[in-house]
Amino acid sequence: MASNSFMRVDDVAEELGVSTSYAYKIIRKLNAELEKKGIITIAGRVNKQYFTERLCYGAAGTKAAERR
């Protein structure tokens, strides 16, 4: 699996323009949703694909991709 399959707290904070403490809160919420679906999660990281889908960017259109 590619090493960039997950976003760390700094990535989430930068992508959304929020503080790191709020980014942790978002990661915890997204990981809780994934755990309810029976998916194993990693504390402090969130699956990049799930993040983009859940935050209404769609599967391929992240802000980082738009900057390129």
C-alpha atoms as a PDB file:
ATOM      1  CA  MET A   1       0.000   0.000   0.000  1.00  0.00           C
ATOM      2  CA  ALA A   2       1.278   3.454  -0.834  1.00  0.00           C
ATOM      3  CA  SER A   3       2.660   5.487   2.051  1.00  0.00           C
ATOM      4  CA  ASN A   4       0.430   8.426   1.110  1.00  0.00           C
ATOM      5  CA  SER A   5      -2.824   6.498   1.571  1.00  0.00           C
ATOM      6  CA  PHE A   6      -3.280   8.217   4.914  1.00  0.00           C
ATOM      7  CA  MET A   7      -3.369  11.843   5.947  1.00  0.00           C
ATOM      8  CA  ARG A   8      -1.742  12.951   9.173  1.00  0.00           C
ATOM      9  CA  VAL A   9      -3.055  15.721  11.380  1.00  0.00           C
ATOM     10  CA  ASP A  10      -0.837  18.364   9.746  1.00  0.00           C
ATOM     11  CA  ASP A  11      -2.142  17.379   6.307  1.00  0.00           C
ATOM     12  CA  VAL A  12      -5.771  17.651   7.459  1.00  0.00           C
ATOM     13  CA  ALA A  13      -5.149  20.991   9.183  1.00  0.00           C
ATOM     14  CA  GLU A  14      -3.476  22.437   6.094  1.00  0.00           C
ATOM     15  CA  GLU A  15      -6.096  21.072   3.691  1.00  0.00           C
ATOM     16  CA  LEU A  16      -8.969  22.577   5.702  1.00  0.00           C
ATOM     17  CA  GLY A  17      -7.196  25.662   7.041  1.00  0.00           C
ATOM     18  CA  VAL A  18      -7.909  24.776  10.669  1.00  0.00           C
ATOM     19  CA  SER A  19      -5.843  24.321  13.831  1.00  0.00           C
ATOM     20  CA  THR A  20      -4.196  21.009  14.588  1.00  0.00           C
ATOM     21  CA  SER A  21      -6.455  20.468  17.603  1.00  0.00           C
ATOM     22  CA  TYR A  22      -9.540  20.805  15.385  1.00  0.00           C
ATOM     23  CA  ALA A  23      -7.932  18.554  12.781  1.00  0.00           C
ATOM     24  CA  TYR A  24      -7.527  15.877  15.478  1.00  0.00           C
ATOM     25  CA  LYS A  25     -11.230  16.223  16.260  1.00  0.00           C
ATOM     26  CA  ILE A  26     -12.127  15.705  12.595  1.00  0.00           C
ATOM     27  CA  ILE A  27      -9.829  12.682  12.329  1.00  0.00           C
ATOM     28  CA  ARG A  28     -11.389  11.126  15.438  1.00  0.00           C
ATOM     29  CA  LYS A  29     -14.877  11.629  13.988  1.00  0.00           C
ATOM     30  CA  LEU A  30     -13.992  10.161  10.590  1.00  0.00           C
ATOM     31  CA  ASN A  31     -12.192   7.212  12.200  1.00  0.00           C
ATOM     32  CA  ALA A  32     -15.212   6.549  14.434  1.00  0.00           C
ATOM     33  CA  GLU A  33     -17.391   6.388  11.313  1.00  0.00           C
ATOM     34  CA  LEU A  34     -14.972   3.945   9.708  1.00  0.00           C
ATOM     35  CA  GLU A  35     -14.862   1.792  12.853  1.00  0.00           C
ATOM     36  CA  LYS A  36     -18.662   1.533  12.819  1.00  0.00           C
ATOM     37  CA  LYS A  37     -18.296   0.077   9.324  1.00  0.00           C
ATOM     38  CA  GLY A  38     -15.847  -2.494  10.685  1.00  0.00           C
ATOM     39  CA  ILE A  39     -12.725  -0.917   9.204  1.00  0.00           C
ATOM     40  CA  ILE A  40      -9.508  -0.856  11.208  1.00  0.00           C
ATOM     41  CA  THR A  41      -8.215   2.672  11.786  1.00  0.00           C
ATOM     42  CA  ILE A  42      -4.970   4.271  12.946  1.00  0.00           C
ATOM     43  CA  ALA A  43      -5.106   6.964  15.625  1.00  0.00           C
ATOM     44  CA  GLY A  44      -3.983  10.355  14.350  1.00  0.00           C
ATOM     45  CA  ARG A  45      -4.358   9.365  10.695  1.00  0.00           C
ATOM     46  CA  VAL A  46      -7.300   9.114   8.348  1.00  0.00           C
ATOM     47  CA  ASN A  47      -7.694   7.355   5.029  1.00  0.00           C
ATOM     48  CA  LYS A  48      -7.140   9.953   2.304  1.00  0.00           C
ATOM     49  CA  GLN A  49      -9.863   8.594   0.010  1.00  0.00           C
ATOM     50  CA  TYR A  50     -12.451   8.549   2.806  1.00  0.00           C
ATOM     51  CA  PHE A  51     -11.440  12.064   3.855  1.00  0.00           C
ATOM     52  CA  THR A  52     -11.917  13.463   0.358  1.00  0.00           C
ATOM     53  CA  GLU A  53     -15.227  11.666  -0.185  1.00  0.00           C
ATOM     54  CA  ARG A  54     -16.602  12.695   3.215  1.00  0.00           C
ATOM     55  CA  LEU A  55     -15.530  16.338   2.867  1.00  0.00           C
ATOM     56  CA  CYS A  56     -17.398  16.750  -0.445  1.00  0.00           C
ATOM     57  CA  TYR A  57     -14.279  16.964  -2.597  1.00  0.00           C
ATOM     58  CA  GLY A  58     -15.159  13.796  -4.452  1.00  0.00           C
ATOM     59  CA  ALA A  59     -12.826  10.880  -4.979  1.00  0.00           C
ATOM     60  CA  ALA A  60     -10.298  12.681  -7.179  1.00  0.00           C
ATOM     61  CA  GLY A  61     -10.577  16.423  -6.526  1.00  0.00           C
ATOM     62  CA  THR A  62      -8.575  17.475  -3.499  1.00  0.00           C
ATOM     63  CA  LYS A  63      -7.345  21.004  -3.023  1.00  0.00           C
ATOM     64  CA  ALA A  64      -3.793  19.732  -3.374  1.00  0.00           C
ATOM     65  CA  ALA A  65      -4.604  18.302  -6.804  1.00  0.00           C
ATOM     66  CA  GLU A  66      -6.168  21.607  -7.854  1.00  0.00           C
ATOM     67  CA  ARG A  67      -2.958  23.494  -6.963  1.00  0.00           C
ATOM     68  CA  ARG A  68      -0.852  21.442  -9.388  1.00  0.00           C
END
